Amino acid sequence: MVARASALADAAGAGSGRALLGIAGAPGAGKSTVAAALAGALGDRAVVVGMDGFHLAGAELRRLGRVDRKGAPDTFDGHGFVVLLERLARPGPATVHAPVFDRVLDEAVAGAVAVPPGVPLVIVDGSYLLLEADPWSRVRPLLTEAWFVRLPRGVRERRLIARHEHFGASASRARAHALGSDAANAELVAPTASRADLVV
């Protein structure tokens, strides 16, 4: 995987351009782990930008009545995410700053990830990169390659429960989230693996 990602960076850099590598998959599948490992191996040739930075704020989710569905496609600013990817796909002279999702705060933080103009590879991490509904359908054409991370359901669910508990949820709430909205989102994402160039 590292060699393949490195080849994308080399090809983009040789043409003074940029490649976008999408890492998609269900919640808890290990997308962020794969993205971080690739970026660590490639050093200053790659930066990770996460879709989770486009989570709607808690106050907005409460206003919309979607708190219990947090993580579903309509709980993100998908249009804003697409605009960011469009900017990243056409690097200009200025650094682009992307948001990140802070799990401790349980909120997105603006301008937390810097993508300098000379970085040849942006690794894009997110569940809905291959979804065919608007606006997510506009993401796949912007990606040079898309990989789908797949993990057995039981392993994913255990990871999600542990993650929710780690960040403050009670055992019952963590389980309800993992087996409720997380599971529904995983079912939505599963068929999109067919649009990936590689299944990991």
Foldseek 3Di string as FASTA:
>chain_A
DLVVQVVQLVVQLVVLFAAEEEEAAAQQLCQVVVQVVSCVVVDQLEEEAEQVLFFAFPVVCVVVVNPLQGPAPVRGPLVVVLVLLVDRRGQDQAKDFAWDQDLLVRHIDGRPTTDGSSRHYYYYYYHLCQPCDPPSVSNVVSHPFYEYRDDDLVNSLVSQLVSVVVNPDDSVVSNCSSVPNSVVSNVSRVVSNVVGPYYD
